[in-house]
Amino acid sequence: MTKLLQERKSSVNLLTIFTVFTFSLHFLAIIFLLFEGLRIYELIHKKPLTFVQLVDGRAIPEADTLEREPEAIRQFVAKTMAAMFNWSGTLPPATIEDATNPKPDIGIPVNTLQGLTKKVSTSSWVASFALSEDFRQGFLGLIADITPPEIFAKNSNQALTAQLVIQRVYPPEKIAPGRWRVGMVANIVQVRSTDKKKLLTPFNKDFLVRAVDSFGHPLSNSLTPLQKAIYSVRAQKLEIYEVSDLCLTDGYDSSPGSQLKRCGDTSNSGSFTK
């Protein structure tokens, strides 16, 4: 009887050890799965490597994702506004054939601040994607208000073209990490094809620009030329989030030491203010 009890006691001890060992393995497996899950979660939500745009358009990886070259910021503002006021009456060329035989621009309808529906040029609409989303629609509405309907006229006798003639873009002034203020002195020049009369509208504005992330389309080969143009605008990793009037103290002075100040009153109708 004593021998039988000893065998049973030994059997119970082995079963306990096996149970504890199995439980330990399961516990370690759960810890490992949690660790791997956290790593996968971090990879999913990790921002892609940001590249800094250089003056020549090249991009290099940068540890500080908020830094941008001052000249790249100036060119971004200049190119965006030049495209915004490129009212040629034709579509931006997507192929060599389009460059030699441009297609007419029928315009893109947008809602104005007065609740009306007016048209902006395709070039203006594409360039507007360089603006922050909460500012873009309001700015497009203001552009639609000042875009002459003759831009889209099929009758060549009534055709009207316009472009932005930039006199100066001031060096960016850093106002916060990843944010800059850029002043521009320019004129919107409208030319009627019949008599070649020119109408100059001053466009002296102050732009607030910030660094942003951008992501390429996963199916870039299937994009239309218009979609490619939009992604190209966002690829610059900058956006304009506010525009206001720029006041010059003594008119336009092209010298490096010329002074400028910001208008305190931006309530007039000619101001593009967020």
C-alpha atoms as a PDB file:
ATOM      1  CA  MET A   1       0.000   0.000   0.000  1.00  0.00           C
ATOM      2  CA  THR A   2       2.830   2.392   0.849  1.00  0.00           C
ATOM      3  CA  LYS A   3       4.516   1.696  -2.505  1.00  0.00           C
ATOM      4  CA  LEU A   4       1.276   2.446  -4.388  1.00  0.00           C
ATOM      5  CA  LEU A   5       0.847   5.821  -2.623  1.00  0.00           C
ATOM      6  CA  GLN A   6       4.408   6.816  -3.492  1.00  0.00           C
ATOM      7  CA  GLU A   7       3.827   6.021  -7.193  1.00  0.00           C
ATOM      8  CA  ARG A   8       0.630   8.124  -7.225  1.00  0.00           C
ATOM      9  CA  LYS A   9       2.434  11.046  -5.525  1.00  0.00           C
ATOM     10  CA  SER A  10       5.211  10.899  -8.101  1.00  0.00           C
ATOM     11  CA  SER A  11       2.664  10.856 -10.939  1.00  0.00           C
ATOM     12  CA  VAL A  12       0.951  13.974  -9.589  1.00  0.00           C
ATOM     13  CA  ASN A  13       4.235  15.871  -9.406  1.00  0.00           C
ATOM     14  CA  LEU A  14       5.084  15.132 -13.056  1.00  0.00           C
ATOM     15  CA  LEU A  15       1.618  16.254 -14.177  1.00  0.00           C
ATOM     16  CA  THR A  16       1.988  19.513 -12.249  1.00  0.00           C
ATOM     17  CA  ILE A  17       5.383  20.204 -13.767  1.00  0.00           C
ATOM     18  CA  PHE A  18       4.056  19.531 -17.282  1.00  0.00           C
ATOM     19  CA  THR A  19       1.081  21.841 -16.693  1.00  0.00           C
ATOM     20  CA  VAL A  20       3.268  24.675 -15.408  1.00  0.00           C
ATOM     21  CA  PHE A  21       5.690  24.238 -18.326  1.00  0.00           C
ATOM     22  CA  THR A  22       2.851  24.306 -20.886  1.00  0.00           C
ATOM     23  CA  PHE A  23       1.310  27.374 -19.259  1.00  0.00           C
ATOM     24  CA  SER A  24       4.693  29.130 -19.328  1.00  0.00           C
ATOM     25  CA  LEU A  25       5.102  28.416 -23.049  1.00  0.00           C
ATOM     26  CA  HIS A  26       1.637  29.823 -23.797  1.00  0.00           C
ATOM     27  CA  PHE A  27       2.383  32.909 -21.693  1.00  0.00           C
ATOM     28  CA  LEU A  28       5.645  33.516 -23.551  1.00  0.00           C
ATOM     29  CA  ALA A  29       3.864  33.039 -26.881  1.00  0.00           C
ATOM     30  CA  ILE A  30       1.251  35.645 -25.910  1.00  0.00           C
ATOM     31  CA  ILE A  31       3.990  38.115 -24.878  1.00  0.00           C
ATOM     32  CA  PHE A  32       5.791  37.530 -28.190  1.00  0.00           C
ATOM     33  CA  LEU A  33       2.592  38.072 -30.195  1.00  0.00           C
ATOM     34  CA  LEU A  34       1.851  41.302 -28.308  1.00  0.00           C
ATOM     35  CA  PHE A  35       5.388  42.541 -28.976  1.00  0.00           C
ATOM     36  CA  GLU A  36       5.119  41.764 -32.694  1.00  0.00           C
ATOM     37  CA  GLY A  37       1.686  43.376 -32.827  1.00  0.00           C
ATOM     38  CA  LEU A  38       3.057  46.603 -31.351  1.00  0.00           C
ATOM     39  CA  ARG A  39       5.891  46.638 -33.896  1.00  0.00           C
ATOM     40  CA  ILE A  40       3.451  46.150 -36.772  1.00  0.00           C
ATOM     41  CA  TYR A  41       1.225  48.921 -35.366  1.00  0.00           C
ATOM     42  CA  GLU A  42       4.216  51.297 -35.251  1.00  0.00           C
ATOM     43  CA  LEU A  43       5.184  50.439 -38.822  1.00  0.00           C
ATOM     44  CA  ILE A  44       1.631  51.061 -40.065  1.00  0.00           C
ATOM     45  CA  HIS A  45       1.405  54.476 -38.426  1.00  0.00           C
ATOM     46  CA  LYS A  46       4.997  55.523 -39.030  1.00  0.00           C
ATOM     47  CA  LYS A  47       5.345  58.435 -41.439  1.00  0.00           C
ATOM     48  CA  PRO A  48       7.330  57.729 -44.583  1.00  0.00           C
ATOM     49  CA  LEU A  49      10.782  59.236 -44.943  1.00  0.00           C
ATOM     50  CA  THR A  50      10.387  62.904 -45.797  1.00  0.00           C
ATOM     51  CA  PHE A  51      12.626  64.428 -48.447  1.00  0.00           C
ATOM     52  CA  VAL A  52      13.655  68.071 -48.496  1.00  0.00           C
ATOM     53  CA  GLN A  53      13.303  69.831 -51.834  1.00  0.00           C
ATOM     54  CA  LEU A  54      16.418  71.655 -52.990  1.00  0.00           C
ATOM     55  CA  VAL A  55      16.557  74.714 -55.208  1.00  0.00           C
ATOM     56  CA  ASP A  56      17.120  72.622 -58.344  1.00  0.00           C
ATOM     57  CA  GLY A  57      14.077  70.466 -57.612  1.00  0.00           C
ATOM     58  CA  ARG A  58      16.026  67.467 -56.268  1.00  0.00           C
ATOM     59  CA  ALA A  59      14.929  65.880 -53.006  1.00  0.00           C
ATOM     60  CA  ILE A  60      17.192  64.525 -50.277  1.00  0.00           C
ATOM     61  CA  PRO A  61      16.255  62.730 -47.019  1.00  0.00           C
ATOM     62  CA  GLU A  62      16.223  64.998 -44.003  1.00  0.00           C
ATOM     63  CA  ALA A  63      15.966  64.127 -40.327  1.00  0.00           C
ATOM     64  CA  ASP A  64      14.007  67.296 -39.545  1.00  0.00           C
ATOM     65  CA  THR A  65      10.840  66.986 -41.628  1.00  0.00           C
ATOM     66  CA  LEU A  66       9.896  70.647 -41.078  1.00  0.00           C
ATOM     67  CA  GLU A  67      12.907  72.200 -42.793  1.00  0.00           C
ATOM     68  CA  ARG A  68      12.730  73.500 -46.372  1.00  0.00           C
ATOM     69  CA  GLU A  69      15.179  75.424 -48.549  1.00  0.00           C
ATOM     70  CA  PRO A  70      14.308  79.172 -48.620  1.00  0.00           C
ATOM     71  CA  GLU A  71      14.680  79.310 -52.411  1.00  0.00           C
ATOM     72  CA  ALA A  72      12.395  76.279 -52.784  1.00  0.00           C
ATOM     73  CA  ILE A  73       9.736  78.106 -50.723  1.00  0.00           C
ATOM     74  CA  ARG A  74      10.059  81.237 -52.889  1.00  0.00           C
ATOM     75  CA  GLN A  75       9.762  79.207 -56.087  1.00  0.00           C
ATOM     76  CA  PHE A  76       6.789  77.294 -54.684  1.00  0.00           C
ATOM     77  CA  VAL A  77       4.877  80.516 -54.004  1.00  0.00           C
ATOM     78  CA  ALA A  78       5.861  82.061 -57.357  1.00  0.00           C
ATOM     79  CA  LYS A  79       4.956  78.984 -59.432  1.00  0.00           C
ATOM     80  CA  THR A  80       1.686  78.425 -57.582  1.00  0.00           C
ATOM     81  CA  MET A  81       0.471  81.976 -58.072  1.00  0.00           C
ATOM     82  CA  ALA A  82       1.692  82.116 -61.694  1.00  0.00           C
ATOM     83  CA  ALA A  83      -0.348  78.981 -62.437  1.00  0.00           C
ATOM     84  CA  MET A  84      -3.303  80.359 -60.477  1.00  0.00           C
ATOM     85  CA  PHE A  85      -3.531  83.399 -62.774  1.00  0.00           C
ATOM     86  CA  ASN A  86      -2.612  81.670 -66.034  1.00  0.00           C
ATOM     87  CA  TRP A  87      -5.812  82.480 -67.930  1.00  0.00           C
ATOM     88  CA  SER A  88      -4.778  81.600 -71.465  1.00  0.00           C
ATOM     89  CA  GLY A  89      -8.103  80.103 -72.545  1.00  0.00           C
ATOM     90  CA  THR A  90      -6.370  76.808 -73.353  1.00  0.00           C
ATOM     91  CA  LEU A  91      -5.683  73.669 -71.353  1.00  0.00           C
ATOM     92  CA  PRO A  92      -2.189  73.064 -69.933  1.00  0.00           C
ATOM     93  CA  PRO A  93      -0.344  70.872 -72.473  1.00  0.00           C
ATOM     94  CA  ALA A  94      -0.060  67.210 -71.467  1.00  0.00           C
ATOM     95  CA  THR A  95       1.643  66.017 -74.666  1.00  0.00           C
ATOM     96  CA  ILE A  96       3.796  67.470 -77.445  1.00  0.00           C
ATOM     97  CA  GLU A  97       0.728  67.541 -79.675  1.00  0.00           C
ATOM     98  CA  ASP A  98      -1.159  69.609 -77.083  1.00  0.00           C
ATOM     99  CA  ALA A  99       1.728  72.088 -77.001  1.00  0.00           C
ATOM    100  CA  THR A 100       1.564  72.652 -80.782  1.00  0.00           C
ATOM    101  CA  ASN A 101      -2.218  72.483 -80.982  1.00  0.00           C
ATOM    102  CA  PRO A 102      -3.607  73.547 -77.599  1.00  0.00           C
ATOM    103  CA  LYS A 103      -7.117  72.535 -76.646  1.00  0.00           C
ATOM    104  CA  PRO A 104      -9.626  75.171 -75.522  1.00  0.00           C
ATOM    105  CA  ASP A 105     -10.276  75.444 -71.812  1.00  0.00           C
ATOM    106  CA  ILE A 106     -13.981  75.286 -71.012  1.00  0.00           C
ATOM    107  CA  GLY A 107     -13.266  76.025 -67.359  1.00  0.00           C
ATOM    108  CA  ILE A 108     -14.238  74.275 -64.145  1.00  0.00           C
ATOM    109  CA  PRO A 109     -17.333  75.457 -62.215  1.00  0.00           C
ATOM    110  CA  VAL A 110     -16.876  76.390 -58.557  1.00  0.00           C
ATOM    111  CA  ASN A 111     -19.131  77.972 -55.950  1.00  0.00           C
ATOM    112  CA  THR A 112     -18.412  81.582 -55.020  1.00  0.00           C
ATOM    113  CA  LEU A 113     -18.826  83.147 -51.591  1.00  0.00           C
ATOM    114  CA  GLN A 114     -22.133  84.646 -52.785  1.00  0.00           C
ATOM    115  CA  GLY A 115     -23.528  81.192 -53.520  1.00  0.00           C
ATOM    116  CA  LEU A 116     -23.214  81.599 -57.299  1.00  0.00           C
ATOM    117  CA  THR A 117     -21.580  79.137 -59.668  1.00  0.00           C
ATOM    118  CA  LYS A 118     -18.778  80.560 -61.794  1.00  0.00           C
ATOM    119  CA  LYS A 119     -15.841  79.141 -63.693  1.00  0.00           C
ATOM    120  CA  VAL A 120     -12.118  79.131 -63.052  1.00  0.00           C
ATOM    121  CA  SER A 121      -9.437  78.048 -65.495  1.00  0.00           C
ATOM    122  CA  THR A 122      -8.160  74.483 -65.320  1.00  0.00           C
ATOM    123  CA  SER A 123      -4.721  75.828 -64.482  1.00  0.00           C
ATOM    124  CA  SER A 124      -6.165  77.744 -61.505  1.00  0.00           C
ATOM    125  CA  TRP A 125      -8.049  74.676 -60.314  1.00  0.00           C
ATOM    126  CA  VAL A 126      -4.943  72.452 -60.420  1.00  0.00           C
ATOM    127  CA  ALA A 127      -2.784  75.102 -58.721  1.00  0.00           C
ATOM    128  CA  SER A 128      -5.367  75.450 -55.936  1.00  0.00           C
ATOM    129  CA  PHE A 129      -4.298  72.052 -54.585  1.00  0.00           C
ATOM    130  CA  ALA A 130      -1.187  73.827 -53.288  1.00  0.00           C
ATOM    131  CA  LEU A 131      -3.500  75.488 -50.753  1.00  0.00           C
ATOM    132  CA  SER A 132      -4.647  73.977 -47.475  1.00  0.00           C
ATOM    133  CA  GLU A 133      -7.980  72.182 -47.775  1.00  0.00           C
ATOM    134  CA  ASP A 134      -9.823  74.513 -45.374  1.00  0.00           C
ATOM    135  CA  PHE A 135      -8.625  77.551 -47.359  1.00  0.00           C
ATOM    136  CA  ARG A 136      -8.806  76.217 -50.914  1.00  0.00           C
ATOM    137  CA  GLN A 137     -12.542  76.479 -51.611  1.00  0.00           C
ATOM    138  CA  GLY A 138     -12.827  80.054 -50.358  1.00  0.00           C
ATOM    139  CA  PHE A 139      -9.793  81.166 -52.366  1.00  0.00           C
ATOM    140  CA  LEU A 140     -11.126  79.455 -55.511  1.00  0.00           C
ATOM    141  CA  GLY A 141     -14.412  81.280 -55.028  1.00  0.00           C
ATOM    142  CA  LEU A 142     -12.578  84.616 -54.975  1.00  0.00           C
ATOM    143  CA  ILE A 143     -10.608  83.645 -58.091  1.00  0.00           C
ATOM    144  CA  ALA A 144     -13.876  82.752 -59.838  1.00  0.00           C
ATOM    145  CA  ASP A 145     -15.286  86.186 -58.963  1.00  0.00           C
ATOM    146  CA  ILE A 146     -12.428  88.002 -60.716  1.00  0.00           C
ATOM    147  CA  THR A 147     -12.014  85.612 -63.662  1.00  0.00           C
ATOM    148  CA  PRO A 148     -13.545  87.294 -66.751  1.00  0.00           C
ATOM    149  CA  PRO A 149     -16.061  85.075 -68.620  1.00  0.00           C
ATOM    150  CA  GLU A 150     -14.313  86.099 -71.862  1.00  0.00           C
ATOM    151  CA  ILE A 151     -11.481  83.750 -70.899  1.00  0.00           C
ATOM    152  CA  PHE A 152     -13.672  80.832 -71.950  1.00  0.00           C
ATOM    153  CA  ALA A 153     -15.269  82.525 -74.974  1.00  0.00           C
ATOM    154  CA  LYS A 154     -15.014  80.509 -78.188  1.00  0.00           C
ATOM    155  CA  ASN A 155     -15.306  83.684 -80.240  1.00  0.00           C
ATOM    156  CA  SER A 156     -11.718  84.828 -80.819  1.00  0.00           C
ATOM    157  CA  ASN A 157     -12.867  88.448 -81.174  1.00  0.00           C
ATOM    158  CA  GLN A 158     -13.912  88.396 -77.526  1.00  0.00           C
ATOM    159  CA  ALA A 159     -10.986  86.341 -76.248  1.00  0.00           C
ATOM    160  CA  LEU A 160      -9.120  87.629 -73.228  1.00  0.00           C
ATOM    161  CA  THR A 161      -5.905  86.340 -71.707  1.00  0.00           C
ATOM    162  CA  ALA A 162      -4.232  87.089 -68.405  1.00  0.00           C
ATOM    163  CA  GLN A 163      -1.076  86.244 -66.537  1.00  0.00           C
ATOM    164  CA  LEU A 164       0.663  87.164 -63.321  1.00  0.00           C
ATOM    165  CA  VAL A 165       3.761  89.318 -63.829  1.00  0.00           C
ATOM    166  CA  ILE A 166       5.890  88.931 -60.714  1.00  0.00           C
ATOM    167  CA  GLN A 167       8.203  91.777 -59.805  1.00  0.00           C
ATOM    168  CA  ARG A 168       9.574  90.364 -56.600  1.00  0.00           C
ATOM    169  CA  VAL A 169       9.167  87.507 -54.133  1.00  0.00           C
ATOM    170  CA  TYR A 170      10.677  88.385 -50.757  1.00  0.00           C
ATOM    171  CA  PRO A 171      12.884  85.871 -48.892  1.00  0.00           C
ATOM    172  CA  PRO A 172      10.832  83.644 -46.556  1.00  0.00           C
ATOM    173  CA  GLU A 173      10.576  84.826 -42.976  1.00  0.00           C
ATOM    174  CA  LYS A 174      10.376  81.951 -40.499  1.00  0.00           C
ATOM    175  CA  ILE A 175       7.537  82.526 -38.046  1.00  0.00           C
ATOM    176  CA  ALA A 176       7.420  79.067 -36.400  1.00  0.00           C
ATOM    177  CA  PRO A 177       8.910  75.590 -36.935  1.00  0.00           C
ATOM    178  CA  GLY A 178       7.833  74.543 -40.427  1.00  0.00           C
ATOM    179  CA  ARG A 179       6.013  77.842 -41.105  1.00  0.00           C
ATOM    180  CA  TRP A 180       7.071  80.867 -43.125  1.00  0.00           C
ATOM    181  CA  ARG A 181       5.793  84.250 -44.288  1.00  0.00           C
ATOM    182  CA  VAL A 182       6.512  85.216 -47.917  1.00  0.00           C
ATOM    183  CA  GLY A 183       5.727  88.582 -49.515  1.00  0.00           C
ATOM    184  CA  MET A 184       5.086  89.032 -53.221  1.00  0.00           C
ATOM    185  CA  VAL A 185       4.860  92.126 -55.413  1.00  0.00           C
ATOM    186  CA  ALA A 186       3.139  91.445 -58.747  1.00  0.00           C
ATOM    187  CA  ASN A 187       0.507  92.584 -61.242  1.00  0.00           C
ATOM    188  CA  ILE A 188      -2.284  90.659 -62.956  1.00  0.00           C
ATOM    189  CA  VAL A 189      -2.037  91.701 -66.617  1.00  0.00           C
ATOM    190  CA  GLN A 190      -5.133  91.129 -68.768  1.00  0.00           C
ATOM    191  CA  VAL A 191      -4.836  91.530 -72.549  1.00  0.00           C
ATOM    192  CA  ARG A 192      -7.741  91.640 -75.009  1.00  0.00           C
ATOM    193  CA  SER A 193      -6.910  90.018 -78.358  1.00  0.00           C
ATOM    194  CA  THR A 194      -8.765  92.552 -80.501  1.00  0.00           C
ATOM    195  CA  ASP A 195      -7.065  95.820 -79.546  1.00  0.00           C
ATOM    196  CA  LYS A 196      -4.232  94.451 -77.354  1.00  0.00           C
ATOM    197  CA  LYS A 197      -5.392  96.698 -74.534  1.00  0.00           C
ATOM    198  CA  LYS A 198      -3.852  95.876 -71.180  1.00  0.00           C
ATOM    199  CA  LEU A 199      -5.450  96.064 -67.760  1.00  0.00           C
ATOM    200  CA  LEU A 200      -3.073  95.936 -64.783  1.00  0.00           C
ATOM    201  CA  THR A 201      -4.361  94.897 -61.358  1.00  0.00           C
ATOM    202  CA  PRO A 202      -1.871  95.102 -58.463  1.00  0.00           C
ATOM    203  CA  PHE A 203      -1.385  91.809 -56.653  1.00  0.00           C
ATOM    204  CA  ASN A 204       0.745  92.579 -53.602  1.00  0.00           C
ATOM    205  CA  LYS A 205       0.138  89.731 -51.184  1.00  0.00           C
ATOM    206  CA  ASP A 206       1.507  88.160 -48.060  1.00  0.00           C
ATOM    207  CA  PHE A 207       1.508  84.327 -48.005  1.00  0.00           C
ATOM    208  CA  LEU A 208       1.687  82.043 -44.985  1.00  0.00           C
ATOM    209  CA  VAL A 209       3.310  78.744 -45.975  1.00  0.00           C
ATOM    210  CA  ARG A 210       3.832  75.557 -43.983  1.00  0.00           C
ATOM    211  CA  ALA A 211       5.603  72.237 -44.451  1.00  0.00           C
ATOM    212  CA  VAL A 212       3.350  69.210 -44.959  1.00  0.00           C
ATOM    213  CA  ASP A 213       3.667  65.527 -45.808  1.00  0.00           C
ATOM    214  CA  SER A 214       2.577  64.139 -49.143  1.00  0.00           C
ATOM    215  CA  PHE A 215       1.960  60.620 -50.398  1.00  0.00           C
ATOM    216  CA  GLY A 216       2.199  59.318 -53.935  1.00  0.00           C
ATOM    217  CA  HIS A 217      -0.629  57.414 -55.570  1.00  0.00           C
ATOM    218  CA  PRO A 218      -0.059  53.618 -55.420  1.00  0.00           C
ATOM    219  CA  LEU A 219      -1.285  53.220 -59.018  1.00  0.00           C
ATOM    220  CA  SER A 220       0.601  56.085 -60.626  1.00  0.00           C
ATOM    221  CA  ASN A 221       0.538  54.462 -64.079  1.00  0.00           C
ATOM    222  CA  SER A 222      -3.248  54.591 -64.194  1.00  0.00           C
ATOM    223  CA  LEU A 223      -3.547  58.301 -63.396  1.00  0.00           C
ATOM    224  CA  THR A 224      -4.935  60.800 -65.882  1.00  0.00           C
ATOM    225  CA  PRO A 225      -2.767  63.811 -66.862  1.00  0.00           C
ATOM    226  CA  LEU A 226      -4.935  66.025 -64.635  1.00  0.00           C
ATOM    227  CA  GLN A 227      -4.491  63.714 -61.645  1.00  0.00           C
ATOM    228  CA  LYS A 228      -0.738  63.555 -62.252  1.00  0.00           C
ATOM    229  CA  ALA A 229      -0.609  67.356 -62.245  1.00  0.00           C
ATOM    230  CA  ILE A 230      -2.415  67.467 -58.885  1.00  0.00           C
ATOM    231  CA  TYR A 231      -0.088  64.902 -57.306  1.00  0.00           C
ATOM    232  CA  SER A 232       2.867  66.858 -58.685  1.00  0.00           C
ATOM    233  CA  VAL A 233       1.630  69.965 -56.868  1.00  0.00           C
ATOM    234  CA  ARG A 234       1.264  68.103 -53.558  1.00  0.00           C
ATOM    235  CA  ALA A 235       4.665  66.413 -53.989  1.00  0.00           C
ATOM    236  CA  GLN A 236       6.352  69.722 -53.145  1.00  0.00           C
ATOM    237  CA  LYS A 237       5.469  69.100 -49.460  1.00  0.00           C
ATOM    238  CA  LEU A 238       4.434  72.718 -48.940  1.00  0.00           C
ATOM    239  CA  GLU A 239       1.060  74.405 -48.791  1.00  0.00           C
ATOM    240  CA  ILE A 240      -0.291  77.949 -48.513  1.00  0.00           C
ATOM    241  CA  TYR A 241      -2.766  78.284 -45.666  1.00  0.00           C
ATOM    242  CA  GLU A 242      -3.433  82.028 -45.612  1.00  0.00           C
ATOM    243  CA  VAL A 243      -3.137  85.004 -47.967  1.00  0.00           C
ATOM    244  CA  SER A 244      -3.491  88.660 -47.019  1.00  0.00           C
ATOM    245  CA  ASP A 245      -2.612  92.096 -48.387  1.00  0.00           C
ATOM    246  CA  LEU A 246       1.010  93.221 -48.425  1.00  0.00           C
ATOM    247  CA  CYS A 247       1.750  96.906 -47.821  1.00  0.00           C
ATOM    248  CA  LEU A 248       4.895  98.537 -49.190  1.00  0.00           C
ATOM    249  CA  THR A 249       6.173 101.549 -47.259  1.00  0.00           C
ATOM    250  CA  ASP A 250       7.538 103.466 -50.234  1.00  0.00           C
ATOM    251  CA  GLY A 251       6.077 101.657 -53.219  1.00  0.00           C
ATOM    252  CA  TYR A 252       7.944  98.870 -54.945  1.00  0.00           C
ATOM    253  CA  ASP A 253      11.668  98.915 -54.423  1.00  0.00           C
ATOM    254  CA  SER A 254      13.700  96.117 -55.961  1.00  0.00           C
ATOM    255  CA  SER A 255      16.757  96.762 -53.794  1.00  0.00           C
ATOM    256  CA  PRO A 256      17.640  94.062 -51.226  1.00  0.00           C
ATOM    257  CA  GLY A 257      17.103  96.451 -48.330  1.00  0.00           C
ATOM    258  CA  SER A 258      13.626  97.583 -49.381  1.00  0.00           C
ATOM    259  CA  GLN A 259      11.124  97.647 -46.559  1.00  0.00           C
ATOM    260  CA  LEU A 260       7.761  95.983 -46.408  1.00  0.00           C
ATOM    261  CA  LYS A 261       5.092  95.657 -43.805  1.00  0.00           C
ATOM    262  CA  ARG A 262       1.895  93.705 -43.351  1.00  0.00           C
ATOM    263  CA  CYS A 263      -1.427  95.457 -43.754  1.00  0.00           C
ATOM    264  CA  GLY A 264      -3.306  95.796 -40.536  1.00  0.00           C
ATOM    265  CA  ASP A 265      -6.662  96.137 -42.267  1.00  0.00           C
ATOM    266  CA  THR A 266      -7.521  93.149 -44.491  1.00  0.00           C
ATOM    267  CA  SER A 267     -11.253  93.663 -44.492  1.00  0.00           C
ATOM    268  CA  ASN A 268     -11.471  95.165 -47.992  1.00  0.00           C
ATOM    269  CA  SER A 269     -12.961  93.134 -50.819  1.00  0.00           C
ATOM    270  CA  GLY A 270      -9.664  92.902 -52.684  1.00  0.00           C
ATOM    271  CA  SER A 271      -8.007  90.923 -49.915  1.00  0.00           C
ATOM    272  CA  PHE A 272      -7.607  87.164 -50.136  1.00  0.00           C
ATOM    273  CA  THR A 273      -7.721  86.460 -46.421  1.00  0.00           C
ATOM    274  CA  LYS A 274      -8.652  83.216 -44.729  1.00  0.00           C
END
